[in-house]
Amino acid sequence: MEERRDIAGDETPDTDRVLTVPNALSVLRLVGVPLFLWLLLRGDDGWALVTLALSGITDYLDGKIARHFHLVSRVGQLLDPIADRLYIISTLLVGLPAGGALGAAPAVRALAVMPPDTALRSLR
């Protein structure tokens, strides 16, 4: 099936529905940002890394599900990049300066600040 794109190159929304599985996954990612920050500030770097990994997985899944089932929505197109940027900002402002698992190794730093959709883009 040919992917529909508008002039800007973004996918044209398939639906106006707000309550969809992909949107719920995006909201779950947004709810995970304060948890991620709390874990970083507590020094629970391992759990913070797990939260970040789960964010990446749900980011991949919401995009795959939205495209496969034609559930791309304007709400999802707004929520997805907001969640990505919040995780990046959180990692840069709190995770990296604090040291620990997210501040220790350059390879981990690179993975932590890479947007989840960029890291998983090759799997699409």
N, C-alpha and C. Protein backbone atom coordinates (compact mmCIF):
# COMPACT_ATOMS: atom_id res chain seq x y z
N MET A 1 0.84 -1.18 0.00
CA MET A 1 0.00 0.00 0.00
C MET A 1 0.88 1.24 0.00
N GLU A 2 0.57 2.19 -0.82
CA GLU A 2 1.34 3.42 -0.92
C GLU A 2 1.05 4.32 0.28
N GLU A 3 2.13 4.88 0.84
CA GLU A 3 1.99 5.76 1.99
C GLU A 3 1.57 7.14 1.52
N ARG A 4 0.54 7.69 2.14
CA ARG A 4 0.06 9.02 1.79
C ARG A 4 0.88 10.07 2.52
N ARG A 5 1.34 11.08 1.81
CA ARG A 5 2.11 12.16 2.42
C ARG A 5 1.57 13.49 1.93
N ASP A 6 1.63 14.48 2.83
CA ASP A 6 1.22 15.81 2.40
C ASP A 6 2.45 16.57 1.90
N ILE A 7 2.31 17.85 1.64
CA ILE A 7 3.39 18.65 1.07
C ILE A 7 4.61 18.66 1.97
N ALA A 8 4.42 18.74 3.28
CA ALA A 8 5.54 18.81 4.22
C ALA A 8 6.24 17.47 4.39
N GLY A 9 5.68 16.39 3.86
CA GLY A 9 6.31 15.09 3.97
C GLY A 9 5.78 14.26 5.12
N ASP A 10 4.91 14.81 5.93
CA ASP A 10 4.33 14.06 7.05
C ASP A 10 3.20 13.19 6.53
N GLU A 11 2.94 12.11 7.25
CA GLU A 11 1.82 11.27 6.89
C GLU A 11 0.52 12.05 7.07
N THR A 12 -0.40 11.86 6.16
CA THR A 12 -1.71 12.47 6.28
C THR A 12 -2.50 11.64 7.28
N PRO A 13 -3.12 12.29 8.28
CA PRO A 13 -3.89 11.52 9.26
C PRO A 13 -4.96 10.65 8.60
N ASP A 14 -5.07 9.41 9.09
CA ASP A 14 -6.08 8.48 8.60
C ASP A 14 -7.39 8.64 9.35
N THR A 15 -7.33 9.14 10.56
CA THR A 15 -8.51 9.18 11.41
C THR A 15 -8.51 10.43 12.27
N ASP A 16 -9.71 10.86 12.66
CA ASP A 16 -9.84 11.97 13.60
C ASP A 16 -10.04 11.45 15.03
N ARG A 17 -10.07 10.13 15.17
CA ARG A 17 -10.29 9.55 16.50
C ARG A 17 -9.13 9.87 17.43
N VAL A 18 -9.46 10.12 18.67
CA VAL A 18 -8.45 10.42 19.69
C VAL A 18 -8.14 9.16 20.49
N LEU A 19 -9.16 8.38 20.80
CA LEU A 19 -8.98 7.19 21.62
C LEU A 19 -8.58 6.00 20.74
N THR A 20 -7.28 5.89 20.50
CA THR A 20 -6.75 4.78 19.73
C THR A 20 -5.60 4.16 20.52
N VAL A 21 -5.25 2.95 20.19
CA VAL A 21 -4.14 2.27 20.86
C VAL A 21 -2.83 3.05 20.68
N PRO A 22 -2.50 3.50 19.46
CA PRO A 22 -1.27 4.28 19.33
C PRO A 22 -1.24 5.55 20.19
N ASN A 23 -2.37 6.24 20.27
CA ASN A 23 -2.42 7.44 21.12
C ASN A 23 -2.28 7.09 22.59
N ALA A 24 -2.87 5.97 23.00
CA ALA A 24 -2.74 5.52 24.39
C ALA A 24 -1.28 5.21 24.70
N LEU A 25 -0.56 4.60 23.76
CA LEU A 25 0.86 4.32 23.96
C LEU A 25 1.66 5.61 24.07
N SER A 26 1.30 6.61 23.28
CA SER A 26 1.98 7.91 23.36
C SER A 26 1.72 8.59 24.71
N VAL A 27 0.49 8.50 25.19
CA VAL A 27 0.17 9.06 26.51
C VAL A 27 0.94 8.32 27.59
N LEU A 28 1.04 7.01 27.46
CA LEU A 28 1.82 6.20 28.41
C LEU A 28 3.28 6.66 28.43
N ARG A 29 3.82 6.95 27.26
CA ARG A 29 5.19 7.47 27.20
C ARG A 29 5.30 8.81 27.91
N LEU A 30 4.30 9.68 27.72
CA LEU A 30 4.32 10.98 28.40
C LEU A 30 4.25 10.82 29.91
N VAL A 31 3.44 9.89 30.37
CA VAL A 31 3.32 9.63 31.81
C VAL A 31 4.64 9.06 32.35
N GLY A 32 5.39 8.39 31.50
CA GLY A 32 6.67 7.82 31.92
C GLY A 32 7.75 8.85 32.14
N VAL A 33 7.61 10.05 31.60
CA VAL A 33 8.65 11.08 31.75
C VAL A 33 8.86 11.45 33.22
N PRO A 34 7.80 11.77 33.99
CA PRO A 34 8.04 12.07 35.41
C PRO A 34 8.62 10.88 36.17
N LEU A 35 8.20 9.67 35.83
CA LEU A 35 8.77 8.47 36.46
C LEU A 35 10.25 8.38 36.15
N PHE A 36 10.61 8.60 34.90
CA PHE A 36 12.01 8.59 34.47
C PHE A 36 12.82 9.61 35.26
N LEU A 37 12.31 10.84 35.37
CA LEU A 37 13.00 11.88 36.13
C LEU A 37 13.14 11.52 37.60
N TRP A 38 12.08 11.00 38.18
CA TRP A 38 12.11 10.62 39.59
C TRP A 38 13.16 9.53 39.83
N LEU A 39 13.20 8.55 38.95
CA LEU A 39 14.19 7.48 39.09
C LEU A 39 15.61 8.02 38.95
N LEU A 40 15.82 8.94 38.01
CA LEU A 40 17.15 9.53 37.86
C LEU A 40 17.55 10.31 39.11
N LEU A 41 16.62 11.10 39.62
CA LEU A 41 16.94 11.92 40.80
C LEU A 41 17.16 11.09 42.05
N ARG A 42 16.51 9.93 42.14
CA ARG A 42 16.72 9.02 43.27
C ARG A 42 18.02 8.24 43.15
N GLY A 43 18.58 8.23 41.95
CA GLY A 43 19.80 7.47 41.74
C GLY A 43 19.53 6.04 41.28
N ASP A 44 18.28 5.74 40.92
CA ASP A 44 17.94 4.41 40.41
C ASP A 44 18.19 4.37 38.90
N ASP A 45 19.48 4.43 38.55
CA ASP A 45 19.84 4.55 37.14
C ASP A 45 19.43 3.33 36.32
N GLY A 46 19.50 2.15 36.89
CA GLY A 46 19.10 0.95 36.17
C GLY A 46 17.64 0.99 35.78
N TRP A 47 16.78 1.35 36.74
CA TRP A 47 15.35 1.43 36.45
C TRP A 47 15.04 2.59 35.50
N ALA A 48 15.81 3.67 35.62
CA ALA A 48 15.63 4.79 34.69
C ALA A 48 15.96 4.34 33.26
N LEU A 49 17.00 3.54 33.12
CA LEU A 49 17.37 3.04 31.81
C LEU A 49 16.30 2.09 31.26
N VAL A 50 15.72 1.28 32.15
CA VAL A 50 14.62 0.39 31.74
C VAL A 50 13.43 1.23 31.28
N THR A 51 13.12 2.29 32.01
CA THR A 51 12.01 3.18 31.63
C THR A 51 12.27 3.81 30.26
N LEU A 52 13.51 4.24 30.04
CA LEU A 52 13.87 4.82 28.76
C LEU A 52 13.75 3.79 27.63
N ALA A 53 14.18 2.57 27.90
CA ALA A 53 14.07 1.50 26.89
C ALA A 53 12.61 1.19 26.58
N LEU A 54 11.78 1.13 27.62
CA LEU A 54 10.35 0.89 27.40
C LEU A 54 9.71 2.02 26.60
N SER A 55 10.20 3.24 26.82
CA SER A 55 9.72 4.37 26.03
C SER A 55 10.04 4.16 24.55
N GLY A 56 11.23 3.69 24.27
CA GLY A 56 11.62 3.43 22.89
C GLY A 56 10.78 2.33 22.26
N ILE A 57 10.50 1.30 23.02
CA ILE A 57 9.69 0.19 22.51
C ILE A 57 8.27 0.65 22.22
N THR A 58 7.68 1.41 23.14
CA THR A 58 6.31 1.89 22.91
C THR A 58 6.27 2.90 21.77
N ASP A 59 7.34 3.68 21.59
CA ASP A 59 7.42 4.60 20.46
C ASP A 59 7.39 3.81 19.15
N TYR A 60 8.17 2.77 19.08
CA TYR A 60 8.19 1.93 17.88
C TYR A 60 6.82 1.30 17.64
N LEU A 61 6.23 0.75 18.71
CA LEU A 61 4.94 0.06 18.57
C LEU A 61 3.82 1.01 18.16
N ASP A 62 3.78 2.21 18.75
CA ASP A 62 2.67 3.11 18.39
C ASP A 62 2.75 3.51 16.92
N GLY A 63 3.94 3.71 16.39
CA GLY A 63 4.06 4.03 14.98
C GLY A 63 3.69 2.87 14.08
N LYS A 64 4.18 1.68 14.44
CA LYS A 64 3.87 0.49 13.64
C LYS A 64 2.37 0.21 13.62
N ILE A 65 1.74 0.26 14.79
CA ILE A 65 0.30 -0.01 14.90
C ILE A 65 -0.50 1.05 14.14
N ALA A 66 -0.12 2.32 14.30
CA ALA A 66 -0.85 3.40 13.63
C ALA A 66 -0.80 3.24 12.12
N ARG A 67 0.38 2.92 11.59
CA ARG A 67 0.49 2.78 10.13
C ARG A 67 -0.19 1.51 9.63
N HIS A 68 0.00 0.41 10.34
CA HIS A 68 -0.56 -0.87 9.89
C HIS A 68 -2.10 -0.87 9.89
N PHE A 69 -2.67 -0.31 10.94
CA PHE A 69 -4.13 -0.33 11.08
C PHE A 69 -4.79 1.00 10.65
N HIS A 70 -4.03 1.84 9.99
CA HIS A 70 -4.54 3.14 9.50
C HIS A 70 -5.14 3.96 10.63
N LEU A 71 -4.39 4.07 11.71
CA LEU A 71 -4.83 4.84 12.87
C LEU A 71 -3.96 6.08 13.09
N VAL A 72 -3.27 6.52 12.05
CA VAL A 72 -2.48 7.74 12.16
C VAL A 72 -3.44 8.89 12.41
N SER A 73 -3.21 9.64 13.49
CA SER A 73 -4.10 10.74 13.83
C SER A 73 -3.28 12.00 14.10
N ARG A 74 -3.92 13.12 14.00
CA ARG A 74 -3.26 14.40 14.29
C ARG A 74 -2.80 14.44 15.74
N VAL A 75 -3.60 13.91 16.64
CA VAL A 75 -3.23 13.87 18.07
C VAL A 75 -1.93 13.08 18.23
N GLY A 76 -1.86 11.93 17.59
CA GLY A 76 -0.65 11.12 17.66
C GLY A 76 0.56 11.82 17.05
N GLN A 77 0.32 12.54 15.97
CA GLN A 77 1.41 13.27 15.34
C GLN A 77 1.93 14.39 16.24
N LEU A 78 1.12 14.87 17.16
CA LEU A 78 1.55 15.89 18.12
C LEU A 78 2.17 15.27 19.36
N LEU A 79 1.54 14.22 19.90
CA LEU A 79 2.02 13.61 21.14
C LEU A 79 3.37 12.93 20.98
N ASP A 80 3.58 12.24 19.88
CA ASP A 80 4.78 11.45 19.68
C ASP A 80 6.07 12.28 19.78
N PRO A 81 6.20 13.37 19.02
CA PRO A 81 7.43 14.15 19.13
C PRO A 81 7.57 14.88 20.47
N ILE A 82 6.44 15.22 21.09
CA ILE A 82 6.51 15.86 22.41
C ILE A 82 7.13 14.90 23.42
N ALA A 83 6.67 13.66 23.41
CA ALA A 83 7.22 12.66 24.33
C ALA A 83 8.71 12.44 24.05
N ASP A 84 9.08 12.34 22.78
CA ASP A 84 10.49 12.17 22.42
C ASP A 84 11.34 13.30 22.98
N ARG A 85 10.91 14.53 22.74
CA ARG A 85 11.70 15.69 23.19
C ARG A 85 11.79 15.77 24.70
N LEU A 86 10.70 15.41 25.40
CA LEU A 86 10.75 15.45 26.86
C LEU A 86 11.75 14.45 27.42
N TYR A 87 11.83 13.26 26.82
CA TYR A 87 12.83 12.29 27.26
C TYR A 87 14.25 12.79 26.97
N ILE A 88 14.45 13.41 25.82
CA ILE A 88 15.77 13.93 25.47
C ILE A 88 16.17 15.04 26.44
N ILE A 89 15.26 15.99 26.66
CA ILE A 89 15.56 17.10 27.58
C ILE A 89 15.82 16.57 28.99
N SER A 90 15.01 15.62 29.44
CA SER A 90 15.19 15.05 30.77
C SER A 90 16.55 14.40 30.90
N THR A 91 16.94 13.67 29.88
CA THR A 91 18.23 12.99 29.91
C THR A 91 19.37 13.99 29.93
N LEU A 92 19.26 15.02 29.11
CA LEU A 92 20.34 16.01 29.04
C LEU A 92 20.45 16.84 30.31
N LEU A 93 19.32 17.24 30.87
CA LEU A 93 19.35 18.13 32.03
C LEU A 93 19.58 17.41 33.35
N VAL A 94 19.10 16.18 33.46
CA VAL A 94 19.18 15.48 34.75
C VAL A 94 20.09 14.25 34.67
N GLY A 95 19.89 13.43 33.66
CA GLY A 95 20.58 12.15 33.59
C GLY A 95 22.06 12.23 33.35
N LEU A 96 22.48 13.01 32.38
CA LEU A 96 23.90 13.05 32.05
C LEU A 96 24.75 13.77 33.08
N PRO A 97 24.33 14.95 33.58
CA PRO A 97 25.17 15.61 34.58
C PRO A 97 25.26 14.84 35.89
N ALA A 98 24.26 14.01 36.19
CA ALA A 98 24.25 13.30 37.47
C ALA A 98 25.24 12.15 37.53
N GLY A 99 25.76 11.73 36.39
CA GLY A 99 26.66 10.57 36.40
C GLY A 99 25.85 9.30 36.45
N GLY A 100 26.35 8.29 37.12
CA GLY A 100 25.64 7.03 37.21
C GLY A 100 25.59 6.31 35.88
N ALA A 101 24.64 5.43 35.72
CA ALA A 101 24.56 4.60 34.52
C ALA A 101 24.38 5.43 33.27
N LEU A 102 23.62 6.52 33.36
CA LEU A 102 23.39 7.32 32.16
C LEU A 102 24.51 8.32 31.91
N GLY A 103 25.37 8.56 32.89
CA GLY A 103 26.45 9.51 32.69
C GLY A 103 27.81 8.86 32.64
N ALA A 104 27.87 7.55 32.76
CA ALA A 104 29.16 6.87 32.89
C ALA A 104 29.87 6.66 31.57
N ALA A 105 29.25 6.00 30.64
CA ALA A 105 29.93 5.60 29.42
C ALA A 105 29.44 6.42 28.23
N PRO A 106 30.37 6.84 27.37
CA PRO A 106 29.96 7.61 26.19
C PRO A 106 28.95 6.88 25.31
N ALA A 107 29.07 5.57 25.18
CA ALA A 107 28.12 4.82 24.34
C ALA A 107 26.72 4.88 24.93
N VAL A 108 26.61 4.77 26.26
CA VAL A 108 25.30 4.85 26.91
C VAL A 108 24.73 6.24 26.74
N ARG A 109 25.58 7.27 26.86
CA ARG A 109 25.12 8.64 26.66
C ARG A 109 24.54 8.82 25.26
N ALA A 110 25.25 8.31 24.27
CA ALA A 110 24.79 8.46 22.89
C ALA A 110 23.44 7.79 22.70
N LEU A 111 23.26 6.60 23.26
CA LEU A 111 21.98 5.91 23.14
C LEU A 111 20.88 6.62 23.91
N ALA A 112 21.24 7.19 25.06
CA ALA A 112 20.24 7.83 25.91
C ALA A 112 19.67 9.09 25.27
N VAL A 113 20.48 9.85 24.54
CA VAL A 113 19.98 11.09 23.97
C VAL A 113 19.45 10.91 22.56
N MET A 114 19.64 9.74 21.97
CA MET A 114 19.11 9.48 20.63
C MET A 114 17.60 9.30 20.74
N PRO A 115 16.83 10.02 19.93
CA PRO A 115 15.38 9.82 20.00
C PRO A 115 15.04 8.36 19.71
N PRO A 116 14.12 7.82 20.49
CA PRO A 116 13.76 6.41 20.30
C PRO A 116 13.35 6.08 18.87
N ASP A 117 12.65 6.99 18.21
CA ASP A 117 12.23 6.68 16.84
C ASP A 117 13.42 6.63 15.89
N THR A 118 14.48 7.39 16.17
CA THR A 118 15.67 7.33 15.34
C THR A 118 16.40 6.02 15.56
N ALA A 119 16.47 5.59 16.80
CA ALA A 119 17.15 4.34 17.11
C ALA A 119 16.46 3.14 16.48
N LEU A 120 15.14 3.19 16.35
CA LEU A 120 14.37 2.05 15.84
C LEU A 120 13.92 2.22 14.40
N ARG A 121 14.30 3.34 13.77
CA ARG A 121 13.86 3.62 12.41
C ARG A 121 14.24 2.51 11.42
N SER A 122 15.40 1.91 11.63
CA SER A 122 15.85 0.86 10.71
C SER A 122 14.99 -0.40 10.81
N LEU A 123 14.25 -0.56 11.90
CA LEU A 123 13.41 -1.73 12.06
C LEU A 123 12.07 -1.59 11.36
N ARG A 124 11.70 -0.40 10.95
CA ARG A 124 10.40 -0.18 10.30
C ARG A 124 10.43 -0.78 8.98
